[in-house]
């Protein structure tokens, strides 16, 4: 059997805060998972997103320490269009999450923004640039 990517795992300091953030991005996480040491959500294509608390990771890897010095993994969420990138970025920042890069029209032809999840992981929001938008230099 050829291995296949089945899940992406996130280690979190505060399960409830992390799950609230990802629920705002549309992930269907079970309601009772906020106080659990492990949670997961299955995406429409079958890929799973897993969350484990730092304590859970230390239970089987006692030497584990929180990474320092920048992102090692990033998640990217495709939005329906540039307006949704802007709306979702504003919604998350207004809800108290840290904006990292405000929405902009990227030279590669996408509307792009980055918000940090509660653990500081960069989460990209992107959509194809609107060809009717005069700010879109790729049209």
N, C-alpha and C. Protein backbone atom coordinates (compact mmCIF):
# COMPACT_ATOMS: atom_id res chain seq x y z
N UNK A 1 0.84 -1.18 0.00
CA UNK A 1 0.00 0.00 0.00
C UNK A 1 0.89 1.25 0.00
N UNK A 2 0.52 2.20 -0.80
CA UNK A 2 1.23 3.48 -0.82
C UNK A 2 0.68 4.36 0.27
N UNK A 3 1.54 4.94 1.11
CA UNK A 3 1.04 5.84 2.15
C UNK A 3 0.31 7.02 1.52
N UNK A 4 -0.70 7.51 2.23
CA UNK A 4 -1.44 8.69 1.77
C UNK A 4 -1.63 9.63 2.94
N UNK A 5 -1.61 10.92 2.64
CA UNK A 5 -1.83 11.90 3.69
C UNK A 5 -3.26 11.76 4.19
N UNK A 6 -3.41 11.53 5.49
CA UNK A 6 -4.73 11.28 6.08
C UNK A 6 -5.14 12.38 7.05
N UNK A 7 -4.17 13.05 7.67
CA UNK A 7 -4.51 14.02 8.70
C UNK A 7 -3.41 15.06 8.86
N UNK A 8 -3.82 16.23 9.30
CA UNK A 8 -2.91 17.30 9.68
C UNK A 8 -3.16 17.55 11.16
N UNK A 9 -2.11 17.50 11.96
CA UNK A 9 -2.27 17.66 13.40
C UNK A 9 -1.76 18.99 13.90
N UNK A 10 -2.48 19.56 14.85
CA UNK A 10 -2.11 20.82 15.48
C UNK A 10 -1.98 20.58 16.98
N UNK A 11 -0.91 21.10 17.56
CA UNK A 11 -0.72 21.04 19.01
C UNK A 11 -1.14 22.39 19.55
N UNK A 12 -2.05 22.39 20.53
CA UNK A 12 -2.65 23.64 21.00
C UNK A 12 -2.51 23.82 22.50
N UNK A 13 -2.38 25.07 22.91
CA UNK A 13 -2.30 25.39 24.33
C UNK A 13 -3.68 25.44 24.96
N UNK A 14 -4.67 25.92 24.21
CA UNK A 14 -6.03 26.10 24.73
C UNK A 14 -7.00 25.50 23.71
N UNK A 15 -7.49 24.30 24.00
CA UNK A 15 -8.34 23.57 23.06
C UNK A 15 -9.58 24.38 22.68
N UNK A 16 -10.29 24.93 23.65
CA UNK A 16 -11.53 25.66 23.36
C UNK A 16 -11.27 26.86 22.46
N UNK A 17 -10.21 27.61 22.73
CA UNK A 17 -9.90 28.79 21.91
C UNK A 17 -9.55 28.38 20.49
N UNK A 18 -8.77 27.33 20.35
CA UNK A 18 -8.37 26.87 19.02
C UNK A 18 -9.58 26.37 18.23
N UNK A 19 -10.42 25.58 18.86
CA UNK A 19 -11.59 25.05 18.16
C UNK A 19 -12.56 26.16 17.78
N UNK A 20 -12.72 27.17 18.63
CA UNK A 20 -13.59 28.31 18.29
C UNK A 20 -13.08 29.01 17.04
N UNK A 21 -11.76 29.19 16.95
CA UNK A 21 -11.15 29.83 15.77
C UNK A 21 -11.46 29.03 14.51
N UNK A 22 -11.20 27.74 14.55
CA UNK A 22 -11.39 26.91 13.35
C UNK A 22 -12.86 26.69 13.01
N UNK A 23 -13.73 26.73 14.01
CA UNK A 23 -15.17 26.68 13.70
C UNK A 23 -15.59 27.91 12.90
N UNK A 24 -15.01 29.08 13.22
CA UNK A 24 -15.30 30.30 12.46
C UNK A 24 -14.87 30.16 11.00
N UNK A 25 -13.92 29.28 10.75
CA UNK A 25 -13.48 29.03 9.38
C UNK A 25 -14.27 27.90 8.71
N UNK A 26 -15.29 27.41 9.41
CA UNK A 26 -16.20 26.44 8.81
C UNK A 26 -15.92 24.98 9.10
N UNK A 27 -14.93 24.67 9.94
CA UNK A 27 -14.68 23.26 10.26
C UNK A 27 -15.73 22.78 11.25
N UNK A 28 -16.23 21.58 10.98
CA UNK A 28 -17.29 20.99 11.80
C UNK A 28 -16.65 20.14 12.89
N UNK A 29 -16.41 20.78 14.04
CA UNK A 29 -15.77 20.11 15.18
C UNK A 29 -16.87 19.76 16.18
N UNK A 30 -16.89 18.54 16.70
CA UNK A 30 -17.93 18.16 17.65
C UNK A 30 -18.07 19.14 18.81
N UNK A 31 -19.29 19.42 19.21
CA UNK A 31 -19.57 20.42 20.24
C UNK A 31 -18.90 20.09 21.57
N UNK A 32 -18.81 18.86 21.96
CA UNK A 32 -18.25 18.48 23.25
C UNK A 32 -16.73 18.43 23.29
N UNK A 33 -16.07 18.81 22.21
CA UNK A 33 -14.62 18.65 22.12
C UNK A 33 -13.82 19.74 22.83
N UNK A 34 -14.47 20.83 23.23
CA UNK A 34 -13.74 21.97 23.78
C UNK A 34 -12.89 21.64 25.00
N UNK A 35 -13.31 20.69 25.79
CA UNK A 35 -12.55 20.34 27.00
C UNK A 35 -11.81 19.00 26.86
N UNK A 36 -11.81 18.43 25.67
CA UNK A 36 -11.16 17.14 25.43
C UNK A 36 -9.65 17.34 25.20
N UNK A 37 -8.86 16.32 25.48
CA UNK A 37 -7.42 16.41 25.20
C UNK A 37 -7.10 16.21 23.71
N UNK A 38 -8.05 15.65 22.96
CA UNK A 38 -7.88 15.39 21.53
C UNK A 38 -9.21 15.64 20.83
N UNK A 39 -9.14 16.26 19.66
CA UNK A 39 -10.35 16.48 18.86
C UNK A 39 -9.98 16.31 17.40
N UNK A 40 -10.99 16.02 16.58
CA UNK A 40 -10.73 15.95 15.15
C UNK A 40 -11.98 16.28 14.36
N UNK A 41 -11.72 16.71 13.14
CA UNK A 41 -12.80 17.01 12.19
C UNK A 41 -12.40 16.42 10.85
N UNK A 42 -13.36 15.80 10.17
CA UNK A 42 -13.11 15.24 8.86
C UNK A 42 -13.63 16.21 7.81
N UNK A 43 -12.77 16.55 6.87
CA UNK A 43 -13.12 17.47 5.80
C UNK A 43 -13.85 16.72 4.69
N UNK A 44 -14.56 17.43 3.82
CA UNK A 44 -15.35 16.77 2.78
C UNK A 44 -14.57 15.74 1.94
N UNK A 45 -13.31 15.97 1.65
CA UNK A 45 -12.52 15.02 0.86
C UNK A 45 -11.96 13.86 1.67
N UNK A 46 -12.22 13.84 2.98
CA UNK A 46 -11.75 12.75 3.83
C UNK A 46 -10.53 13.09 4.67
N UNK A 47 -9.78 14.15 4.32
CA UNK A 47 -8.64 14.57 5.13
C UNK A 47 -9.14 15.00 6.51
N UNK A 48 -8.40 14.64 7.54
CA UNK A 48 -8.79 15.01 8.90
C UNK A 48 -7.87 16.08 9.44
N UNK A 49 -8.42 16.94 10.29
CA UNK A 49 -7.64 17.90 11.06
C UNK A 49 -7.74 17.43 12.51
N UNK A 50 -6.57 17.30 13.15
CA UNK A 50 -6.51 16.80 14.52
C UNK A 50 -5.97 17.89 15.43
N UNK A 51 -6.52 17.98 16.61
CA UNK A 51 -6.02 18.90 17.63
C UNK A 51 -5.66 18.09 18.86
N UNK A 52 -4.48 18.35 19.41
CA UNK A 52 -4.06 17.74 20.67
C UNK A 52 -3.53 18.83 21.57
N UNK A 53 -3.86 18.74 22.85
CA UNK A 53 -3.32 19.71 23.79
C UNK A 53 -1.83 19.44 24.00
N UNK A 54 -1.12 20.45 24.46
CA UNK A 54 0.30 20.29 24.77
C UNK A 54 0.49 19.19 25.80
N UNK A 55 -0.43 19.10 26.76
CA UNK A 55 -0.34 18.06 27.80
C UNK A 55 -0.46 16.67 27.18
N UNK A 56 -1.33 16.52 26.20
CA UNK A 56 -1.48 15.21 25.54
C UNK A 56 -0.18 14.82 24.87
N UNK A 57 0.44 15.75 24.16
CA UNK A 57 1.70 15.45 23.48
C UNK A 57 2.78 15.07 24.50
N UNK A 58 2.86 15.82 25.59
CA UNK A 58 3.86 15.52 26.61
C UNK A 58 3.61 14.17 27.30
N UNK A 59 2.37 13.67 27.26
CA UNK A 59 2.07 12.39 27.90
C UNK A 59 2.80 11.23 27.22
N UNK A 60 3.09 11.35 25.92
CA UNK A 60 3.83 10.29 25.25
C UNK A 60 5.20 10.76 24.74
N UNK A 61 5.46 12.08 24.81
CA UNK A 61 6.75 12.63 24.41
C UNK A 61 7.15 13.67 25.46
N UNK A 62 7.64 13.19 26.63
CA UNK A 62 7.90 14.09 27.75
C UNK A 62 8.88 15.22 27.45
N UNK A 63 9.73 15.06 26.46
CA UNK A 63 10.69 16.10 26.13
C UNK A 63 10.18 17.13 25.14
N UNK A 64 8.91 17.01 24.73
CA UNK A 64 8.37 17.95 23.74
C UNK A 64 8.34 19.37 24.30
N UNK A 65 8.77 20.33 23.49
CA UNK A 65 8.67 21.74 23.85
C UNK A 65 8.01 22.50 22.71
N UNK A 66 7.37 23.57 23.06
CA UNK A 66 6.70 24.42 22.08
C UNK A 66 7.72 24.97 21.09
N UNK A 67 7.47 24.86 19.78
CA UNK A 67 8.41 25.41 18.79
C UNK A 67 8.55 26.93 18.94
N UNK A 68 9.72 27.42 18.58
CA UNK A 68 9.98 28.85 18.62
C UNK A 68 10.54 29.31 17.28
N UNK A 69 10.35 30.60 16.99
CA UNK A 69 11.03 31.19 15.86
C UNK A 69 10.33 31.12 14.52
N UNK A 70 9.02 31.06 14.49
CA UNK A 70 8.34 31.14 13.22
C UNK A 70 7.51 29.92 12.89
N UNK A 71 6.72 30.08 11.83
CA UNK A 71 5.82 29.00 11.40
C UNK A 71 6.61 27.81 10.86
N UNK A 72 6.14 26.65 11.20
CA UNK A 72 6.67 25.42 10.64
C UNK A 72 5.62 24.76 9.76
N UNK A 73 4.38 25.08 10.02
CA UNK A 73 3.25 24.57 9.24
C UNK A 73 2.27 25.71 9.10
N UNK A 74 1.65 25.80 7.96
CA UNK A 74 0.61 26.80 7.77
C UNK A 74 -0.59 26.15 7.11
N UNK A 75 -1.76 26.61 7.44
CA UNK A 75 -2.98 26.13 6.82
C UNK A 75 -3.50 27.23 5.91
N UNK A 76 -4.10 26.85 4.80
CA UNK A 76 -4.62 27.83 3.84
C UNK A 76 -6.06 27.49 3.51
N UNK A 77 -6.95 28.48 3.64
CA UNK A 77 -8.36 28.28 3.38
C UNK A 77 -8.76 29.04 2.13
N UNK A 78 -9.27 28.30 1.14
CA UNK A 78 -9.77 28.88 -0.10
C UNK A 78 -11.12 29.53 0.16
N UNK A 79 -11.26 30.79 -0.21
CA UNK A 79 -12.51 31.53 -0.04
C UNK A 79 -13.20 31.67 -1.39
N UNK A 80 -14.49 31.99 -1.36
CA UNK A 80 -15.28 32.09 -2.60
C UNK A 80 -14.85 33.25 -3.49
N UNK A 81 -14.28 34.27 -2.92
CA UNK A 81 -13.85 35.41 -3.70
C UNK A 81 -13.13 36.42 -2.83
N UNK A 82 -12.60 37.48 -3.46
CA UNK A 82 -11.86 38.49 -2.70
C UNK A 82 -12.66 39.11 -1.56
N UNK A 83 -13.95 39.34 -1.77
CA UNK A 83 -14.77 39.94 -0.72
C UNK A 83 -14.86 39.03 0.51
N UNK A 84 -14.88 37.72 0.29
CA UNK A 84 -14.93 36.80 1.42
C UNK A 84 -13.61 36.80 2.19
N UNK A 85 -12.48 36.94 1.49
CA UNK A 85 -11.19 37.06 2.17
C UNK A 85 -11.23 38.25 3.11
N UNK A 86 -11.68 39.40 2.58
CA UNK A 86 -11.74 40.63 3.38
C UNK A 86 -12.70 40.48 4.56
N UNK A 87 -13.88 39.92 4.30
CA UNK A 87 -14.91 39.77 5.34
C UNK A 87 -14.43 38.83 6.45
N UNK A 88 -13.86 37.70 6.06
CA UNK A 88 -13.43 36.72 7.05
C UNK A 88 -12.25 37.24 7.87
N UNK A 89 -11.32 37.92 7.22
CA UNK A 89 -10.19 38.52 7.94
C UNK A 89 -10.73 39.49 9.01
N UNK A 90 -11.63 40.38 8.59
CA UNK A 90 -12.21 41.36 9.53
C UNK A 90 -12.96 40.67 10.66
N UNK A 91 -13.73 39.64 10.33
CA UNK A 91 -14.50 38.91 11.34
C UNK A 91 -13.58 38.29 12.38
N UNK A 92 -12.50 37.67 11.93
CA UNK A 92 -11.57 37.03 12.86
C UNK A 92 -10.83 38.05 13.72
N UNK A 93 -10.38 39.13 13.12
CA UNK A 93 -9.66 40.17 13.87
C UNK A 93 -10.60 40.84 14.86
N UNK A 94 -11.83 41.12 14.44
CA UNK A 94 -12.82 41.73 15.34
C UNK A 94 -13.14 40.80 16.51
N UNK A 95 -13.07 39.48 16.27
CA UNK A 95 -13.32 38.50 17.33
C UNK A 95 -12.12 38.37 18.28
N UNK A 96 -11.03 39.11 18.02
CA UNK A 96 -9.90 39.11 18.93
C UNK A 96 -8.69 38.33 18.46
N UNK A 97 -8.75 37.75 17.27
CA UNK A 97 -7.60 37.01 16.75
C UNK A 97 -6.63 38.00 16.10
N UNK A 98 -5.35 37.64 16.11
CA UNK A 98 -4.32 38.56 15.60
C UNK A 98 -4.20 38.47 14.09
N UNK A 99 -4.36 39.62 13.46
CA UNK A 99 -4.08 39.69 12.04
C UNK A 99 -2.59 39.76 11.84
N UNK A 100 -2.09 39.03 10.85
CA UNK A 100 -0.65 39.05 10.56
C UNK A 100 -0.38 39.84 9.28
N UNK A 101 -1.13 39.54 8.23
CA UNK A 101 -1.02 40.29 6.98
C UNK A 101 -2.42 40.66 6.53
N UNK A 102 -2.70 41.95 6.48
CA UNK A 102 -4.02 42.42 6.04
C UNK A 102 -4.24 42.00 4.59
N UNK A 103 -5.51 41.87 4.18
CA UNK A 103 -5.80 41.47 2.80
C UNK A 103 -5.13 42.39 1.78
N UNK A 104 -4.55 41.76 0.76
CA UNK A 104 -3.92 42.51 -0.32
C UNK A 104 -4.06 41.69 -1.61
N UNK A 105 -3.88 42.36 -2.74
CA UNK A 105 -3.90 41.70 -4.03
C UNK A 105 -2.47 41.26 -4.34
N UNK A 106 -2.22 39.99 -4.21
CA UNK A 106 -0.88 39.44 -4.39
C UNK A 106 -0.50 39.40 -5.86
N UNK A 107 0.80 39.53 -6.13
CA UNK A 107 1.27 39.55 -7.51
C UNK A 107 1.01 38.23 -8.24
N UNK A 108 0.75 37.14 -7.50
CA UNK A 108 0.49 35.85 -8.14
C UNK A 108 -0.98 35.66 -8.50
N UNK A 109 -1.79 36.73 -8.35
CA UNK A 109 -3.16 36.69 -8.83
C UNK A 109 -4.21 36.27 -7.82
N UNK A 110 -3.92 36.42 -6.55
CA UNK A 110 -4.89 36.07 -5.52
C UNK A 110 -5.08 37.23 -4.56
N UNK A 111 -6.27 37.29 -3.97
CA UNK A 111 -6.51 38.13 -2.80
C UNK A 111 -6.03 37.28 -1.65
N UNK A 112 -5.19 37.83 -0.76
CA UNK A 112 -4.50 37.01 0.24
C UNK A 112 -4.44 37.75 1.56
N UNK A 113 -4.58 37.01 2.65
CA UNK A 113 -4.45 37.57 4.00
C UNK A 113 -3.99 36.45 4.92
N UNK A 114 -3.41 36.83 6.06
CA UNK A 114 -2.98 35.83 7.05
C UNK A 114 -3.43 36.29 8.44
N UNK A 115 -4.08 35.38 9.14
CA UNK A 115 -4.52 35.58 10.53
C UNK A 115 -3.80 34.52 11.36
N UNK A 116 -3.45 34.86 12.59
CA UNK A 116 -2.81 33.89 13.47
C UNK A 116 -3.86 33.20 14.33
N UNK A 117 -3.76 31.88 14.42
CA UNK A 117 -4.69 31.16 15.29
C UNK A 117 -4.26 31.39 16.74
N UNK A 118 -5.00 30.89 17.72
CA UNK A 118 -4.66 31.18 19.12
C UNK A 118 -3.26 30.74 19.54
N UNK A 119 -2.64 29.82 18.79
CA UNK A 119 -1.29 29.38 19.13
C UNK A 119 -0.23 30.04 18.26
N UNK A 120 -0.64 31.02 17.45
CA UNK A 120 0.32 31.76 16.63
C UNK A 120 0.62 31.14 15.28
N UNK A 121 -0.11 30.11 14.90
CA UNK A 121 0.09 29.49 13.59
C UNK A 121 -0.56 30.36 12.52
N UNK A 122 0.18 30.64 11.46
CA UNK A 122 -0.36 31.44 10.37
C UNK A 122 -1.41 30.66 9.60
N UNK A 123 -2.57 31.28 9.42
CA UNK A 123 -3.67 30.70 8.65
C UNK A 123 -3.96 31.64 7.49
N UNK A 124 -3.69 31.17 6.28
CA UNK A 124 -3.89 31.99 5.09
C UNK A 124 -5.34 31.91 4.63
N UNK A 125 -5.84 33.04 4.20
CA UNK A 125 -7.16 33.14 3.57
C UNK A 125 -6.88 33.62 2.15
N UNK A 126 -7.40 32.94 1.13
CA UNK A 126 -7.09 33.35 -0.22
C UNK A 126 -8.23 33.05 -1.18
N UNK A 127 -8.23 33.78 -2.29
CA UNK A 127 -9.20 33.57 -3.36
C UNK A 127 -8.58 34.10 -4.64
N UNK A 128 -9.06 33.60 -5.76
CA UNK A 128 -8.63 34.15 -7.05
C UNK A 128 -9.02 35.62 -7.08
N UNK A 129 -8.10 36.45 -7.57
CA UNK A 129 -8.39 37.88 -7.65
C UNK A 129 -9.56 38.10 -8.61
N UNK A 130 -10.34 39.11 -8.33
CA UNK A 130 -11.51 39.44 -9.14
C UNK A 130 -11.03 40.12 -10.42
N UNK A 131 -11.23 39.49 -11.60
CA UNK A 131 -10.74 40.10 -12.83
C UNK A 131 -11.42 41.42 -13.15
N UNK A 132 -12.58 41.69 -12.54
CA UNK A 132 -13.27 42.97 -12.78
C UNK A 132 -12.72 44.08 -11.88
N UNK A 133 -11.88 43.73 -10.93
CA UNK A 133 -11.33 44.69 -9.99
C UNK A 133 -10.13 45.38 -10.62
N UNK A 134 -10.16 46.71 -10.75
CA UNK A 134 -9.03 47.42 -11.36
C UNK A 134 -7.74 47.31 -10.54
N UNK A 135 -7.84 46.94 -9.26
CA UNK A 135 -6.64 46.78 -8.44
C UNK A 135 -5.93 45.47 -8.75
N UNK A 136 -6.58 44.60 -9.53
CA UNK A 136 -6.00 43.31 -9.86
C UNK A 136 -5.03 43.47 -11.03
N UNK A 137 -3.75 43.38 -10.76
CA UNK A 137 -2.75 43.59 -11.80
C UNK A 137 -2.54 42.36 -12.66
N UNK A 138 -3.16 41.22 -12.30
CA UNK A 138 -2.96 40.01 -13.09
C UNK A 138 -3.96 39.89 -14.23
N UNK A 139 -4.96 40.76 -14.27
CA UNK A 139 -6.00 40.66 -15.32
C UNK A 139 -5.52 41.21 -16.63
